[in-house]
Amino acid sequence: MQNQSMVSVRLNSVGPNRLQVSNFIREVSGIEQEAVNNIVDNVPSWVLENVDYDKARLVVVALSGFGVDTTII
């Protein structure tokens, strides 16, 4: 069973700021641009998996500033 403090962030929609969203996801996840493009192009998709709730919440708040719809699961 997954530790309750570990959560994942799902990207439900990208919104109008696709480039900024891509850059932010790359910065917080540390993954390569091709993988980021895959995430952004294939919503819904996972931005972060198995991270602590506080980090997930910060990412969701930041992404909402770009007009992105996300879910913490």
Protein backbone atom coordinates (compact mmCIF):
# COMPACT_ATOMS: atom_id res chain seq x y z
CA MET A 1 0.00 0.00 0.00
CA GLN A 2 1.26 3.47 -0.92
CA ASN A 3 2.35 5.75 1.92
CA GLN A 4 -0.48 8.27 2.47
CA SER A 5 1.92 11.21 2.39
CA MET A 6 3.06 10.29 -1.12
CA VAL A 7 0.82 11.54 -3.92
CA SER A 8 0.84 12.11 -7.67
CA VAL A 9 -0.08 15.15 -9.75
CA ARG A 10 -2.17 14.62 -12.88
CA LEU A 11 -2.34 17.23 -15.63
CA ASN A 12 -5.96 17.41 -16.84
CA SER A 13 -5.65 20.32 -19.28
CA VAL A 14 -2.83 22.58 -20.41
CA GLY A 15 -4.58 25.91 -20.93
CA PRO A 16 -3.34 28.78 -23.10
CA ASN A 17 0.24 28.96 -21.80
CA ARG A 18 1.64 25.75 -23.26
CA LEU A 19 5.28 26.90 -23.48
CA GLN A 20 5.38 28.20 -19.91
CA VAL A 21 3.70 25.00 -18.67
CA SER A 22 6.25 22.87 -20.52
CA ASN A 23 9.16 24.86 -19.12
CA PHE A 24 7.79 24.66 -15.58
CA ILE A 25 7.17 20.91 -15.77
CA ARG A 26 10.70 20.37 -17.05
CA GLU A 27 12.10 22.49 -14.22
CA VAL A 28 10.21 20.74 -11.39
CA SER A 29 10.48 17.21 -12.75
CA GLY A 30 13.99 17.24 -14.20
CA ILE A 31 12.89 15.17 -17.19
CA GLU A 32 13.97 15.65 -20.79
CA GLN A 33 12.08 17.98 -23.14
CA GLU A 34 10.78 15.11 -25.27
CA ALA A 35 9.15 13.51 -22.22
CA VAL A 36 7.69 16.88 -21.18
CA ASN A 37 6.22 17.32 -24.65
CA ASN A 38 4.68 13.87 -24.36
CA ILE A 39 3.06 14.84 -21.03
CA VAL A 40 1.70 18.14 -22.37
CA ASP A 41 0.51 16.65 -25.68
CA ASN A 42 -1.29 13.67 -24.13
CA VAL A 43 -3.43 15.01 -21.29
CA PRO A 44 -4.60 13.67 -18.97
CA SER A 45 -1.11 12.61 -17.95
CA TRP A 46 1.08 12.45 -14.87
CA VAL A 47 3.36 15.40 -14.10
CA LEU A 48 4.83 13.98 -10.89
CA GLU A 49 4.39 10.60 -9.26
CA ASN A 50 5.04 9.50 -5.68
CA VAL A 51 6.07 12.89 -4.29
CA ASP A 52 5.28 14.32 -0.88
CA TYR A 53 2.01 16.22 -0.56
CA ASP A 54 3.67 19.58 0.14
CA LYS A 55 5.67 19.48 -3.09
CA ALA A 56 2.60 18.35 -5.04
CA ARG A 57 0.55 21.21 -3.61
CA LEU A 58 3.21 23.78 -4.54
CA VAL A 59 3.31 22.42 -8.11
CA VAL A 60 -0.49 22.51 -8.41
CA VAL A 61 -0.65 26.09 -7.17
CA ALA A 62 2.09 27.18 -9.58
CA LEU A 63 0.46 25.39 -12.53
CA SER A 64 -2.90 26.95 -11.74
CA GLY A 65 -1.22 30.32 -12.30
CA PHE A 66 -0.70 29.25 -15.92
CA GLY A 67 -4.40 28.33 -16.29
CA VAL A 68 -3.75 24.59 -15.96
CA ASP A 69 -6.24 22.11 -14.48
CA THR A 70 -4.55 19.53 -12.25
CA THR A 71 -5.53 16.89 -9.71
CA ILE A 72 -3.63 15.54 -6.73
CA ILE A 73 -4.18 11.83 -6.32
